[in-house]
Amino acid sequence: LTNLVFSVNTLDPNIPFLSTLVPVSDGLCHIAVTASVFLTIAITVERYYAVCFPHTYQSRLAGKGHWCIIISYIFPVFFTAILFNLPKILQLTRIVSLAHIFPDRGSYIKIGIISQVFHPLATTCLIPILMLSFLNLSILKGSKKKSRSTSRMDLSMARTMMTIVTVFIILSIPKMVLALYEVSTIPDIVECYESSCYYYLSSKRWAMDILIRYLVMLNSSINFI
């Protein structure tokens, strides 16, 4: 939903009302995507405890209750998602710009692109893939060893999460590859600005960006389902 304004504005950029909403919509889209990834990790952690430590999980569930456990995941997830995307939101809404903080154009470009390595590349691609792979391998091993003590519902949920994680990894690979490629182009971009010439993105880069936006929306939709 947060990407609808951006999509409609791309198709028809002459609508003034939508043009004013694009920065807000784009910022909310970044928060929603980040929160979706973090919630996937949170649910996988919960399944990990349910399958690998069923007795501890049941006692924890009985002691705290469902709602307390859900809230203990939701609030940190959305707080962290907003915190990580706050610089992007401030820049999109033109409240704060890195260009004012770093007047040197070369440093501004380097910091802008390198910051993308931390978020979203590391926070929503690399680290989640490593964590989800480790957790799901542990769940798979635990479900085989403790199939008698683990309920059928927990095993079914574990299989569902493993499917979601597999889809997440597959859909995140193009985004990760493009982000790494963008980092490798930093010297070319800086050289262009030092030579007072413009750096133009190729049509293939734009096509990849559109494809990755679609894959991100598809991944978030699968998580929602």
N, C-alpha and C. Protein backbone atom coordinates (compact mmCIF):
# COMPACT_ATOMS: atom_id res chain seq x y z
N LEU A 1 0.82 -1.20 0.00
CA LEU A 1 0.00 0.00 0.00
C LEU A 1 0.86 1.26 0.00
N THR A 2 1.97 1.25 0.75
CA THR A 2 2.81 2.44 0.84
C THR A 2 3.51 2.76 -0.48
N ASN A 3 3.58 1.79 -1.38
CA ASN A 3 4.25 2.01 -2.67
C ASN A 3 3.28 2.40 -3.78
N LEU A 4 1.98 2.45 -3.48
CA LEU A 4 0.99 2.77 -4.51
C LEU A 4 1.13 4.20 -5.00
N VAL A 5 1.36 5.14 -4.09
CA VAL A 5 1.50 6.55 -4.47
C VAL A 5 2.68 6.73 -5.40
N PHE A 6 3.82 6.09 -5.05
CA PHE A 6 5.01 6.18 -5.90
C PHE A 6 4.74 5.58 -7.28
N SER A 7 4.03 4.45 -7.32
CA SER A 7 3.75 3.79 -8.60
C SER A 7 2.86 4.63 -9.48
N VAL A 8 1.78 5.19 -8.91
CA VAL A 8 0.85 6.03 -9.69
C VAL A 8 1.55 7.29 -10.15
N ASN A 9 2.38 7.88 -9.30
CA ASN A 9 3.10 9.10 -9.67
C ASN A 9 4.10 8.84 -10.79
N THR A 10 4.69 7.64 -10.81
CA THR A 10 5.61 7.28 -11.89
C THR A 10 4.89 7.18 -13.22
N LEU A 11 3.66 6.64 -13.19
CA LEU A 11 2.88 6.51 -14.42
C LEU A 11 2.36 7.86 -14.90
N ASP A 12 1.99 8.73 -13.95
CA ASP A 12 1.48 10.06 -14.31
C ASP A 12 2.07 11.10 -13.35
N PRO A 13 3.27 11.63 -13.68
CA PRO A 13 3.94 12.57 -12.77
C PRO A 13 3.36 13.97 -12.75
N ASN A 14 2.29 14.22 -13.51
CA ASN A 14 1.71 15.56 -13.61
C ASN A 14 0.60 15.81 -12.60
N ILE A 15 0.42 14.89 -11.66
CA ILE A 15 -0.60 15.08 -10.62
C ILE A 15 0.06 15.76 -9.42
N PRO A 16 -0.24 17.05 -9.17
CA PRO A 16 0.45 17.79 -8.09
C PRO A 16 0.25 17.18 -6.71
N PHE A 17 -0.97 16.72 -6.44
CA PHE A 17 -1.27 16.18 -5.12
C PHE A 17 -0.41 14.97 -4.81
N LEU A 18 -0.24 14.07 -5.79
CA LEU A 18 0.57 12.87 -5.57
C LEU A 18 2.04 13.20 -5.43
N SER A 19 2.51 14.22 -6.15
CA SER A 19 3.92 14.59 -6.08
C SER A 19 4.32 15.02 -4.67
N THR A 20 3.40 15.66 -3.96
CA THR A 20 3.69 16.08 -2.59
C THR A 20 3.69 14.90 -1.61
N LEU A 21 2.95 13.84 -1.98
CA LEU A 21 2.86 12.67 -1.10
C LEU A 21 3.96 11.65 -1.34
N VAL A 22 4.67 11.75 -2.46
CA VAL A 22 5.69 10.76 -2.81
C VAL A 22 6.78 10.61 -1.74
N PRO A 23 7.36 11.71 -1.21
CA PRO A 23 8.39 11.54 -0.17
C PRO A 23 7.88 10.79 1.06
N VAL A 24 6.65 11.13 1.50
CA VAL A 24 6.08 10.45 2.67
C VAL A 24 5.81 8.98 2.35
N SER A 25 5.24 8.74 1.17
CA SER A 25 4.94 7.36 0.76
C SER A 25 6.20 6.53 0.64
N ASP A 26 7.25 7.12 0.04
CA ASP A 26 8.52 6.39 -0.13
C ASP A 26 9.15 6.08 1.22
N GLY A 27 9.08 7.06 2.15
CA GLY A 27 9.62 6.83 3.49
C GLY A 27 8.88 5.73 4.23
N LEU A 28 7.54 5.74 4.15
CA LEU A 28 6.75 4.69 4.78
C LEU A 28 7.00 3.34 4.13
N CYS A 29 7.28 3.34 2.83
CA CYS A 29 7.58 2.10 2.13
C CYS A 29 8.87 1.48 2.66
N HIS A 30 9.89 2.31 2.90
CA HIS A 30 11.15 1.82 3.46
C HIS A 30 10.94 1.23 4.85
N ILE A 31 10.11 1.91 5.67
CA ILE A 31 9.83 1.41 7.02
C ILE A 31 9.08 0.09 6.95
N ALA A 32 8.09 -0.01 6.06
CA ALA A 32 7.29 -1.23 5.94
C ALA A 32 8.13 -2.41 5.49
N VAL A 33 9.01 -2.20 4.52
CA VAL A 33 9.87 -3.29 4.03
C VAL A 33 10.82 -3.76 5.13
N THR A 34 11.43 -2.80 5.84
CA THR A 34 12.35 -3.15 6.93
C THR A 34 11.62 -3.90 8.04
N ALA A 35 10.44 -3.41 8.42
CA ALA A 35 9.66 -4.07 9.46
C ALA A 35 9.24 -5.47 9.03
N SER A 36 8.94 -5.65 7.75
CA SER A 36 8.56 -6.96 7.24
C SER A 36 9.69 -7.96 7.40
N VAL A 37 10.91 -7.53 7.08
CA VAL A 37 12.08 -8.41 7.22
C VAL A 37 12.32 -8.74 8.70
N PHE A 38 12.25 -7.72 9.56
CA PHE A 38 12.50 -7.95 10.99
C PHE A 38 11.43 -8.84 11.61
N LEU A 39 10.19 -8.70 11.17
CA LEU A 39 9.12 -9.56 11.68
C LEU A 39 9.33 -11.01 11.24
N THR A 40 9.83 -11.19 10.02
CA THR A 40 10.15 -12.54 9.56
C THR A 40 11.20 -13.19 10.46
N ILE A 41 12.23 -12.41 10.84
CA ILE A 41 13.26 -12.92 11.75
C ILE A 41 12.65 -13.23 13.11
N ALA A 42 11.79 -12.33 13.61
CA ALA A 42 11.17 -12.52 14.93
C ALA A 42 10.32 -13.79 14.97
N ILE A 43 9.53 -14.02 13.91
CA ILE A 43 8.69 -15.22 13.87
C ILE A 43 9.55 -16.47 13.77
N THR A 44 10.65 -16.38 13.02
CA THR A 44 11.56 -17.53 12.90
C THR A 44 12.22 -17.84 14.24
N VAL A 45 12.59 -16.81 14.98
CA VAL A 45 13.16 -17.02 16.32
C VAL A 45 12.15 -17.71 17.22
N GLU A 46 10.89 -17.30 17.13
CA GLU A 46 9.84 -17.91 17.93
C GLU A 46 9.65 -19.39 17.56
N ARG A 47 9.68 -19.69 16.27
CA ARG A 47 9.57 -21.09 15.81
C ARG A 47 10.79 -21.90 16.24
N TYR A 48 11.94 -21.24 16.26
CA TYR A 48 13.18 -21.91 16.69
C TYR A 48 13.06 -22.38 18.14
N TYR A 49 12.55 -21.51 19.01
CA TYR A 49 12.36 -21.91 20.41
C TYR A 49 11.26 -22.96 20.55
N ALA A 50 10.20 -22.84 19.73
CA ALA A 50 9.09 -23.79 19.84
C ALA A 50 9.50 -25.20 19.43
N VAL A 51 10.39 -25.31 18.43
CA VAL A 51 10.79 -26.63 17.94
C VAL A 51 12.00 -27.17 18.68
N CYS A 52 12.99 -26.33 18.89
CA CYS A 52 14.25 -26.80 19.51
C CYS A 52 14.18 -26.85 21.02
N PHE A 53 13.37 -26.01 21.64
CA PHE A 53 13.22 -25.99 23.10
C PHE A 53 11.74 -25.98 23.46
N PRO A 54 11.03 -27.04 23.15
CA PRO A 54 9.56 -27.06 23.33
C PRO A 54 9.11 -26.85 24.77
N HIS A 55 9.81 -27.43 25.74
CA HIS A 55 9.40 -27.31 27.15
C HIS A 55 9.60 -25.87 27.65
N THR A 56 10.74 -25.29 27.31
CA THR A 56 10.99 -23.89 27.69
C THR A 56 9.99 -22.96 27.01
N TYR A 57 9.68 -23.26 25.76
CA TYR A 57 8.74 -22.43 25.00
C TYR A 57 7.34 -22.49 25.62
N GLN A 58 6.89 -23.68 25.99
CA GLN A 58 5.55 -23.83 26.57
C GLN A 58 5.44 -23.15 27.93
N SER A 59 6.49 -23.27 28.74
CA SER A 59 6.47 -22.60 30.05
C SER A 59 6.50 -21.08 29.88
N ARG A 60 7.26 -20.60 28.92
CA ARG A 60 7.31 -19.16 28.63
C ARG A 60 5.96 -18.67 28.12
N LEU A 61 5.33 -19.47 27.27
CA LEU A 61 4.02 -19.11 26.74
C LEU A 61 2.96 -19.07 27.84
N ALA A 62 3.05 -20.04 28.75
CA ALA A 62 2.09 -20.09 29.86
C ALA A 62 2.31 -18.95 30.85
N GLY A 63 3.57 -18.56 31.03
CA GLY A 63 3.88 -17.51 31.99
C GLY A 63 3.57 -16.11 31.49
N LYS A 64 3.87 -15.84 30.22
CA LYS A 64 3.70 -14.49 29.68
C LYS A 64 2.41 -14.32 28.87
N GLY A 65 1.98 -15.35 28.20
CA GLY A 65 0.79 -15.24 27.35
C GLY A 65 1.14 -14.78 25.95
N HIS A 66 0.20 -15.03 25.02
CA HIS A 66 0.44 -14.72 23.61
C HIS A 66 0.65 -13.22 23.37
N TRP A 67 -0.22 -12.39 23.94
CA TRP A 67 -0.17 -10.96 23.64
C TRP A 67 1.11 -10.31 24.15
N CYS A 68 1.55 -10.72 25.30
CA CYS A 68 2.79 -10.15 25.86
C CYS A 68 3.98 -10.49 24.97
N ILE A 69 4.02 -11.71 24.46
CA ILE A 69 5.11 -12.13 23.58
C ILE A 69 5.04 -11.38 22.25
N ILE A 70 3.82 -11.23 21.72
CA ILE A 70 3.65 -10.51 20.44
C ILE A 70 4.11 -9.06 20.57
N ILE A 71 3.70 -8.40 21.66
CA ILE A 71 4.08 -7.00 21.88
C ILE A 71 5.59 -6.87 22.06
N SER A 72 6.20 -7.86 22.73
CA SER A 72 7.65 -7.81 22.93
C SER A 72 8.43 -7.91 21.63
N TYR A 73 7.78 -8.38 20.56
CA TYR A 73 8.40 -8.42 19.24
C TYR A 73 8.04 -7.18 18.41
N ILE A 74 6.75 -6.79 18.44
CA ILE A 74 6.27 -5.74 17.54
C ILE A 74 6.90 -4.39 17.84
N PHE A 75 6.93 -3.99 19.11
CA PHE A 75 7.45 -2.67 19.44
C PHE A 75 8.93 -2.51 19.07
N PRO A 76 9.82 -3.44 19.43
CA PRO A 76 11.22 -3.29 19.01
C PRO A 76 11.39 -3.32 17.50
N VAL A 77 10.58 -4.14 16.80
CA VAL A 77 10.69 -4.23 15.34
C VAL A 77 10.38 -2.89 14.69
N PHE A 78 9.26 -2.28 15.04
CA PHE A 78 8.88 -1.02 14.40
C PHE A 78 9.75 0.15 14.86
N PHE A 79 10.19 0.12 16.12
CA PHE A 79 11.09 1.17 16.59
C PHE A 79 12.41 1.13 15.82
N THR A 80 12.97 -0.08 15.66
CA THR A 80 14.23 -0.23 14.93
C THR A 80 14.06 0.11 13.46
N ALA A 81 12.93 -0.30 12.87
CA ALA A 81 12.67 0.01 11.46
C ALA A 81 12.61 1.51 11.22
N ILE A 82 11.94 2.24 12.12
CA ILE A 82 11.86 3.70 12.00
C ILE A 82 13.24 4.33 12.22
N LEU A 83 13.97 3.82 13.21
CA LEU A 83 15.29 4.38 13.53
C LEU A 83 16.26 4.22 12.36
N PHE A 84 16.30 3.03 11.75
CA PHE A 84 17.21 2.78 10.64
C PHE A 84 16.86 3.62 9.41
N ASN A 85 15.57 3.92 9.24
CA ASN A 85 15.14 4.67 8.05
C ASN A 85 14.96 6.16 8.31
N LEU A 86 15.26 6.61 9.52
CA LEU A 86 15.08 8.02 9.86
C LEU A 86 15.92 8.95 8.98
N PRO A 87 17.22 8.66 8.76
CA PRO A 87 17.99 9.54 7.85
C PRO A 87 17.39 9.62 6.45
N LYS A 88 16.91 8.49 5.94
CA LYS A 88 16.30 8.47 4.60
C LYS A 88 15.01 9.28 4.59
N ILE A 89 14.21 9.18 5.65
CA ILE A 89 12.95 9.92 5.72
C ILE A 89 13.21 11.42 5.78
N LEU A 90 14.19 11.82 6.60
CA LEU A 90 14.53 13.23 6.73
C LEU A 90 15.02 13.80 5.41
N GLN A 91 15.77 12.99 4.67
CA GLN A 91 16.28 13.44 3.38
C GLN A 91 15.18 13.50 2.32
N LEU A 92 14.28 12.50 2.32
CA LEU A 92 13.19 12.49 1.35
C LEU A 92 12.24 13.66 1.55
N THR A 93 11.97 14.00 2.81
CA THR A 93 11.09 15.11 3.12
C THR A 93 11.81 16.46 3.12
N ARG A 94 13.13 16.40 2.83
CA ARG A 94 13.96 17.61 2.72
C ARG A 94 14.06 18.39 4.02
N ILE A 95 13.88 17.69 5.14
CA ILE A 95 14.08 18.33 6.44
C ILE A 95 15.58 18.47 6.71
N VAL A 96 16.32 17.40 6.44
CA VAL A 96 17.78 17.40 6.59
C VAL A 96 18.36 16.77 5.34
N SER A 97 19.45 17.33 4.85
CA SER A 97 20.13 16.80 3.68
C SER A 97 21.61 16.58 4.00
N LEU A 98 22.13 15.43 3.56
CA LEU A 98 23.56 15.16 3.76
C LEU A 98 24.44 16.17 3.03
N ALA A 99 23.89 16.80 2.00
CA ALA A 99 24.68 17.77 1.24
C ALA A 99 25.04 18.98 2.09
N HIS A 100 24.18 19.32 3.07
CA HIS A 100 24.49 20.45 3.96
C HIS A 100 25.50 20.04 5.03
N ILE A 101 25.46 18.77 5.44
CA ILE A 101 26.38 18.30 6.47
C ILE A 101 27.76 18.05 5.87
N PHE A 102 27.79 17.54 4.64
CA PHE A 102 29.05 17.26 3.95
C PHE A 102 29.09 18.09 2.66
N PRO A 103 29.63 19.32 2.74
CA PRO A 103 29.66 20.19 1.56
C PRO A 103 30.50 19.61 0.41
N ASP A 104 31.54 18.85 0.75
CA ASP A 104 32.36 18.25 -0.29
C ASP A 104 31.55 17.20 -1.04
N ARG A 105 31.42 17.38 -2.36
CA ARG A 105 30.56 16.51 -3.16
C ARG A 105 31.04 15.06 -3.15
N GLY A 106 32.36 14.88 -3.22
CA GLY A 106 32.91 13.52 -3.24
C GLY A 106 32.60 12.77 -1.96
N SER A 107 32.80 13.45 -0.81
CA SER A 107 32.51 12.81 0.48
C SER A 107 31.02 12.53 0.62
N TYR A 108 30.20 13.45 0.12
CA TYR A 108 28.75 13.27 0.18
C TYR A 108 28.31 12.02 -0.58
N ILE A 109 28.89 11.82 -1.75
CA ILE A 109 28.53 10.65 -2.57
C ILE A 109 29.00 9.37 -1.90
N LYS A 110 30.24 9.36 -1.41
CA LYS A 110 30.78 8.16 -0.78
C LYS A 110 29.96 7.77 0.45
N ILE A 111 29.67 8.75 1.31
CA ILE A 111 28.92 8.46 2.54
C ILE A 111 27.50 8.02 2.20
N GLY A 112 26.89 8.65 1.18
CA GLY A 112 25.55 8.28 0.79
C GLY A 112 25.44 6.85 0.31
N ILE A 113 26.43 6.41 -0.49
CA ILE A 113 26.38 5.05 -1.02
C ILE A 113 26.82 4.04 0.03
N ILE A 114 27.87 4.38 0.79
CA ILE A 114 28.35 3.44 1.81
C ILE A 114 27.29 3.23 2.89
N SER A 115 26.51 4.27 3.18
CA SER A 115 25.44 4.11 4.16
C SER A 115 24.41 3.09 3.69
N GLN A 116 24.28 2.95 2.35
CA GLN A 116 23.38 1.94 1.81
C GLN A 116 23.89 0.52 2.07
N VAL A 117 25.20 0.40 2.27
CA VAL A 117 25.76 -0.92 2.57
C VAL A 117 25.28 -1.39 3.93
N PHE A 118 25.23 -0.45 4.90
CA PHE A 118 24.73 -0.82 6.24
C PHE A 118 23.23 -1.03 6.21
N HIS A 119 22.52 -0.03 5.69
CA HIS A 119 21.06 -0.16 5.56
C HIS A 119 20.64 0.39 4.22
N PRO A 120 20.02 -0.45 3.39
CA PRO A 120 19.36 -1.72 3.71
C PRO A 120 20.15 -2.99 3.38
N LEU A 121 21.35 -2.88 2.79
CA LEU A 121 22.03 -4.10 2.33
C LEU A 121 22.34 -5.05 3.48
N ALA A 122 23.00 -4.54 4.53
CA ALA A 122 23.39 -5.41 5.65
C ALA A 122 22.19 -5.75 6.53
N THR A 123 21.36 -4.74 6.84
CA THR A 123 20.28 -4.94 7.81
C THR A 123 19.09 -5.71 7.26
N THR A 124 18.85 -5.64 5.95
CA THR A 124 17.67 -6.32 5.39
C THR A 124 18.03 -7.40 4.38
N CYS A 125 19.33 -7.62 4.13
CA CYS A 125 19.74 -8.68 3.19
C CYS A 125 20.75 -9.64 3.82
N LEU A 126 21.97 -9.15 4.03
CA LEU A 126 23.07 -10.03 4.45
C LEU A 126 22.82 -10.65 5.82
N ILE A 127 22.62 -9.80 6.83
CA ILE A 127 22.43 -10.30 8.20
C ILE A 127 21.17 -11.17 8.31
N PRO A 128 20.01 -10.73 7.77
CA PRO A 128 18.82 -11.60 7.83
C PRO A 128 19.02 -12.94 7.13
N ILE A 129 19.69 -12.96 5.99
CA ILE A 129 19.91 -14.23 5.28
C ILE A 129 20.74 -15.17 6.14
N LEU A 130 21.80 -14.65 6.78
CA LEU A 130 22.65 -15.48 7.64
C LEU A 130 21.86 -15.99 8.85
N MET A 131 21.13 -15.07 9.49
CA MET A 131 20.37 -15.45 10.68
C MET A 131 19.27 -16.46 10.34
N LEU A 132 18.52 -16.19 9.28
CA LEU A 132 17.42 -17.07 8.91
C LEU A 132 17.92 -18.43 8.46
N SER A 133 19.05 -18.46 7.77
CA SER A 133 19.63 -19.74 7.34
C SER A 133 20.03 -20.58 8.55
N PHE A 134 20.71 -19.93 9.51
CA PHE A 134 21.14 -20.65 10.72
C PHE A 134 19.95 -21.14 11.52
N LEU A 135 18.96 -20.28 11.73
CA LEU A 135 17.79 -20.64 12.54
C LEU A 135 16.99 -21.77 11.89
N ASN A 136 16.83 -21.70 10.57
CA ASN A 136 16.03 -22.74 9.90
C ASN A 136 16.76 -24.06 9.81
N LEU A 137 18.07 -24.03 9.69
CA LEU A 137 18.83 -25.28 9.75
C LEU A 137 18.71 -25.91 11.14
N SER A 138 18.74 -25.06 12.16
CA SER A 138 18.56 -25.56 13.53
C SER A 138 17.16 -26.11 13.74
N ILE A 139 16.16 -25.44 13.16
CA ILE A 139 14.78 -25.92 13.26
C ILE A 139 14.63 -27.26 12.56
N LEU A 140 15.26 -27.39 11.38
CA LEU A 140 15.18 -28.65 10.64
C LEU A 140 15.80 -29.80 11.42
N LYS A 141 16.97 -29.55 12.01
CA LYS A 141 17.63 -30.58 12.82
C LYS A 141 16.82 -30.90 14.07
N GLY A 142 16.30 -29.85 14.71
CA GLY A 142 15.52 -30.04 15.93
C GLY A 142 14.23 -30.77 15.70
N SER A 143 13.58 -30.53 14.56
CA SER A 143 12.32 -31.21 14.26
C SER A 143 12.53 -32.69 14.01
N LYS A 144 13.70 -33.05 13.51
CA LYS A 144 13.99 -34.47 13.28
C LYS A 144 14.31 -35.20 14.59
N LYS A 145 15.02 -34.50 15.48
CA LYS A 145 15.42 -35.13 16.74
C LYS A 145 14.29 -35.19 17.75
N LYS A 146 13.41 -34.17 17.74
CA LYS A 146 12.40 -34.05 18.78
C LYS A 146 11.00 -34.08 18.20
N SER A 147 10.79 -34.89 17.22
CA SER A 147 9.48 -34.95 16.57
C SER A 147 8.39 -35.43 17.52
N ARG A 148 8.74 -36.26 18.50
CA ARG A 148 7.73 -36.77 19.43
C ARG A 148 7.29 -35.71 20.43
N SER A 149 8.25 -34.91 20.93
CA SER A 149 7.92 -33.92 21.96
C SER A 149 7.42 -32.61 21.36
N THR A 150 7.56 -32.44 20.05
CA THR A 150 7.11 -31.21 19.40
C THR A 150 5.75 -31.44 18.76
N SER A 151 4.84 -30.51 18.98
CA SER A 151 3.48 -30.67 18.46
C SER A 151 3.46 -30.56 16.93
N ARG A 152 2.40 -31.12 16.34
CA ARG A 152 2.27 -31.08 14.89
C ARG A 152 2.11 -29.65 14.39
N MET A 153 1.41 -28.82 15.17
CA MET A 153 1.20 -27.43 14.77
C MET A 153 2.52 -26.68 14.71
N ASP A 154 3.39 -26.89 15.71
CA ASP A 154 4.70 -26.24 15.70
C ASP A 154 5.54 -26.69 14.52
N LEU A 155 5.50 -27.98 14.20
CA LEU A 155 6.24 -28.49 13.06
C LEU A 155 5.69 -27.92 11.75
N SER A 156 4.36 -27.81 11.67
CA SER A 156 3.75 -27.25 10.47
C SER A 156 4.13 -25.78 10.29
N MET A 157 4.12 -25.03 11.40
CA MET A 157 4.53 -23.63 11.36
C MET A 157 6.00 -23.51 10.98
N ALA A 158 6.81 -24.42 11.47
CA ALA A 158 8.24 -24.40 11.16
C ALA A 158 8.46 -24.62 9.66
N ARG A 159 7.71 -25.56 9.07
CA ARG A 159 7.83 -25.80 7.63
C ARG A 159 7.38 -24.59 6.83
N THR A 160 6.30 -23.95 7.29
CA THR A 160 5.80 -22.75 6.61
C THR A 160 6.83 -21.65 6.63
N MET A 161 7.47 -21.44 7.80
CA MET A 161 8.49 -20.41 7.93
C MET A 161 9.71 -20.73 7.08
N MET A 162 10.05 -22.00 6.97
CA MET A 162 11.19 -22.37 6.13
C MET A 162 10.91 -22.05 4.67
N THR A 163 9.67 -22.23 4.24
CA THR A 163 9.29 -21.88 2.87
C THR A 163 9.38 -20.38 2.65
N ILE A 164 8.87 -19.61 3.63
CA ILE A 164 8.93 -18.15 3.54
C ILE A 164 10.37 -17.66 3.50
N VAL A 165 11.22 -18.24 4.32
CA VAL A 165 12.62 -17.84 4.37
C VAL A 165 13.32 -18.17 3.06
N THR A 166 13.02 -19.33 2.49
CA THR A 166 13.62 -19.71 1.21
C THR A 166 13.24 -18.71 0.12
N VAL A 167 11.96 -18.33 0.09
CA VAL A 167 11.50 -17.33 -0.88
C VAL A 167 12.18 -16.00 -0.62
N PHE A 168 12.32 -15.63 0.66
CA PHE A 168 12.98 -14.37 1.02
C PHE A 168 14.41 -14.33 0.51
N ILE A 169 15.15 -15.41 0.69
CA ILE A 169 16.55 -15.47 0.24
C ILE A 169 16.63 -15.34 -1.27
N ILE A 170 15.76 -16.06 -1.98
CA ILE A 170 15.78 -16.02 -3.44
C ILE A 170 15.47 -14.61 -3.96
N LEU A 171 14.45 -13.97 -3.37
CA LEU A 171 14.04 -12.64 -3.83
C LEU A 171 15.01 -11.55 -3.40
N SER A 172 15.85 -11.81 -2.39
CA SER A 172 16.81 -10.81 -1.90
C SER A 172 18.12 -10.83 -2.67
N ILE A 173 18.39 -11.90 -3.40
CA ILE A 173 19.67 -12.00 -4.11
C ILE A 173 19.85 -10.88 -5.14
N PRO A 174 18.85 -10.57 -6.01
CA PRO A 174 19.06 -9.46 -6.96
C PRO A 174 19.33 -8.12 -6.28
N LYS A 175 18.62 -7.86 -5.17
CA LYS A 175 18.82 -6.61 -4.43
C LYS A 175 20.23 -6.54 -3.87
N MET A 176 20.73 -7.64 -3.36
CA MET A 176 22.07 -7.69 -2.80
C MET A 176 23.13 -7.48 -3.88
N VAL A 177 22.94 -8.12 -5.03
CA VAL A 177 23.89 -8.00 -6.13
C VAL A 177 23.94 -6.56 -6.64
N LEU A 178 22.77 -5.93 -6.81
CA LEU A 178 22.74 -4.55 -7.29
C LEU A 178 23.39 -3.59 -6.30
N ALA A 179 23.14 -3.79 -5.00
CA ALA A 179 23.74 -2.93 -3.98
C ALA A 179 25.25 -3.04 -3.98
N LEU A 180 25.77 -4.26 -4.11
CA LEU A 180 27.22 -4.45 -4.18
C LEU A 180 27.79 -3.80 -5.44
N TYR A 181 27.06 -3.89 -6.54
CA TYR A 181 27.52 -3.27 -7.78
C TYR A 181 27.56 -1.74 -7.65
N GLU A 182 26.54 -1.16 -6.99
CA GLU A 182 26.51 0.29 -6.79
C GLU A 182 27.70 0.77 -5.97
N VAL A 183 28.07 -0.03 -4.96
CA VAL A 183 29.24 0.34 -4.16
C VAL A 183 30.51 0.32 -5.02
N SER A 184 30.59 -0.63 -5.95
CA SER A 184 31.77 -0.73 -6.81
C SER A 184 31.88 0.44 -7.78
N THR A 185 30.78 1.18 -8.00
CA THR A 185 30.81 2.31 -8.94
C THR A 185 31.15 3.62 -8.27
N ILE A 186 31.45 3.61 -6.96
CA ILE A 186 31.78 4.85 -6.25
C ILE A 186 32.94 5.59 -6.92
N PRO A 187 34.07 4.93 -7.26
CA PRO A 187 35.18 5.66 -7.90
C PRO A 187 34.76 6.35 -9.21
N ASP A 188 33.92 5.70 -10.01
CA ASP A 188 33.47 6.29 -11.28
C ASP A 188 32.60 7.52 -11.04
N ILE A 189 31.72 7.43 -10.02
CA ILE A 189 30.83 8.57 -9.73
C ILE A 189 31.63 9.76 -9.21
N VAL A 190 32.57 9.49 -8.31
CA VAL A 190 33.41 10.57 -7.76
C VAL A 190 34.25 11.20 -8.86
N GLU A 191 34.78 10.39 -9.77
CA GLU A 191 35.59 10.91 -10.88
C GLU A 191 34.77 11.81 -11.79
N CYS A 192 33.51 11.44 -12.01
CA CYS A 192 32.64 12.27 -12.85
C CYS A 192 32.40 13.64 -12.22
N TYR A 193 32.13 13.66 -10.91
CA TYR A 193 31.88 14.94 -10.24
C TYR A 193 33.14 15.78 -10.16
N GLU A 194 34.29 15.14 -9.97
CA GLU A 194 35.54 15.90 -9.95
C GLU A 194 35.87 16.48 -11.31
N SER A 195 35.39 15.83 -12.36
CA SER A 195 35.62 16.31 -13.74
C SER A 195 34.49 17.23 -14.20
N SER A 196 33.57 17.56 -13.29
CA SER A 196 32.43 18.45 -13.58
C SER A 196 31.56 17.91 -14.71
N CYS A 197 31.35 16.61 -14.71
CA CYS A 197 30.46 16.00 -15.69
C CYS A 197 29.41 15.18 -14.94
N TYR A 198 28.34 14.86 -15.62
CA TYR A 198 27.24 14.13 -15.00
C TYR A 198 27.46 12.62 -15.11
N TYR A 199 26.98 11.93 -14.09
CA TYR A 199 27.02 10.46 -14.10
C TYR A 199 25.61 9.97 -14.37
N TYR A 200 25.44 9.29 -15.49
CA TYR A 200 24.12 8.81 -15.88
C TYR A 200 24.01 7.30 -15.62
N LEU A 201 22.87 6.92 -15.06
CA LEU A 201 22.60 5.50 -14.88
C LEU A 201 22.15 4.89 -16.20
N SER A 202 22.59 3.68 -16.44
CA SER A 202 22.20 2.99 -17.67
C SER A 202 20.75 2.54 -17.59
N SER A 203 20.18 2.26 -18.74
CA SER A 203 18.79 1.78 -18.78
C SER A 203 18.65 0.43 -18.08
N LYS A 204 19.73 -0.37 -18.10
CA LYS A 204 19.70 -1.66 -17.41
C LYS A 204 19.60 -1.46 -15.90
N ARG A 205 20.30 -0.43 -15.38
CA ARG A 205 20.24 -0.14 -13.94
C ARG A 205 18.82 0.26 -13.54
N TRP A 206 18.18 1.10 -14.37
CA TRP A 206 16.81 1.51 -14.07
C TRP A 206 15.87 0.31 -14.12
N ALA A 207 16.08 -0.55 -15.09
CA ALA A 207 15.24 -1.75 -15.21
C ALA A 207 15.44 -2.66 -14.00
N MET A 208 16.68 -2.80 -13.55
CA MET A 208 16.97 -3.61 -12.36
C MET A 208 16.32 -3.01 -11.12
N ASP A 209 16.35 -1.69 -11.02
CA ASP A 209 15.75 -1.02 -9.86
C ASP A 209 14.24 -1.27 -9.82
N ILE A 210 13.59 -1.20 -10.99
CA ILE A 210 12.15 -1.47 -11.06
C ILE A 210 11.86 -2.92 -10.69
N LEU A 211 12.69 -3.84 -11.22
CA LEU A 211 12.51 -5.26 -10.91
C LEU A 211 12.68 -5.53 -9.41
N ILE A 212 13.69 -4.90 -8.79
CA ILE A 212 13.96 -5.12 -7.36
C ILE A 212 12.82 -4.55 -6.52
N ARG A 213 12.28 -3.40 -6.92
CA ARG A 213 11.12 -2.85 -6.20
C ARG A 213 9.95 -3.83 -6.25
N TYR A 214 9.75 -4.44 -7.41
CA TYR A 214 8.67 -5.42 -7.54
C TYR A 214 8.94 -6.64 -6.65
N LEU A 215 10.19 -7.13 -6.64
CA LEU A 215 10.53 -8.30 -5.83
C LEU A 215 10.39 -8.00 -4.34
N VAL A 216 10.74 -6.78 -3.93
CA VAL A 216 10.58 -6.39 -2.53
C VAL A 216 9.10 -6.38 -2.14
N MET A 217 8.26 -5.82 -3.02
CA MET A 217 6.82 -5.81 -2.76
C MET A 217 6.26 -7.24 -2.73
N LEU A 218 6.76 -8.08 -3.64
CA LEU A 218 6.31 -9.48 -3.67
C LEU A 218 6.71 -10.20 -2.39
N ASN A 219 7.93 -9.95 -1.92
CA ASN A 219 8.42 -10.59 -0.70
C ASN A 219 7.58 -10.16 0.51
N SER A 220 7.29 -8.87 0.60
CA SER A 220 6.49 -8.35 1.71
C SER A 220 5.06 -8.90 1.65
N SER A 221 4.52 -9.05 0.43
CA SER A 221 3.18 -9.61 0.28
C SER A 221 3.13 -11.07 0.72
N ILE A 222 4.17 -11.83 0.38
CA ILE A 222 4.24 -13.23 0.80
C ILE A 222 4.31 -13.33 2.32
N ASN A 223 5.10 -12.44 2.94
CA ASN A 223 5.19 -12.43 4.40
C ASN A 223 3.84 -12.11 5.03
N PHE A 224 3.09 -11.18 4.39
CA PHE A 224 1.78 -10.81 4.91
C PHE A 224 0.81 -11.98 4.82
N ILE A 225 0.86 -12.70 3.69
CA ILE A 225 -0.03 -13.85 3.50
C ILE A 225 0.28 -14.93 4.52
